[in-house]
């Protein structure tokens, strides 16, 4: 999956679980941000493609890295409230009225933010496992137990570049914008639709045969 898709999966999952009601909007933002953190292991691409090939979907796509980064994200948000600070910066830059400020998350326990970040990042792994290969590209497995095990996992239901997930996830966000009182229900329906699409596309590619 691409960055927008990972972000939307994190946000929809947070809405579906009622994170916005229990912990406030900054926690939903955390889910969207954290859902992309595993892809930071792709940064070596800017310097050396060989290192990128060796490390992407390995260095950041494992439980140990996810745990460490989740603790760092949770601790930094709990101590510095950087999500709220960034929102205030955006307000000033875009001249957004101050009355639209997102709810403060200072009362949210750090362990809760760590849990949200960990869960959002963990979802990243199966998303990458089912979107792989196609259009002349080889499958790109992940190693969730690295560095303790090099066991690789991949189950390519849809190929790279498939626009289906993007359309479904964005349709869910548009639906939410029109019906903001039904956030959880809409996100649940969106994630179910995404799951059905993945299974249907995988079936059409023969992934469930033999």
Foldseek 3Di string as FASTA:
>chain_A
DDLVLLLLLQLLVCLQVVVCVPQWDVLSVLLSVLSCVLQVQQVCVVPDVVSNLVGRLEVSVALVNQLVVLLVVLVCCQVPVVSQVVVVVVCVVVVPDPVPRTDGRNVPDSVVSSVSSSVSNNVSQVVLQQEADDPPGHGDWHQHHPPVDRDTGHQHLHYPPPCVSVVLSVVLVVVCVVVVVCSNVSSVVSVVVVVVVSVVSSVVVVSPPD
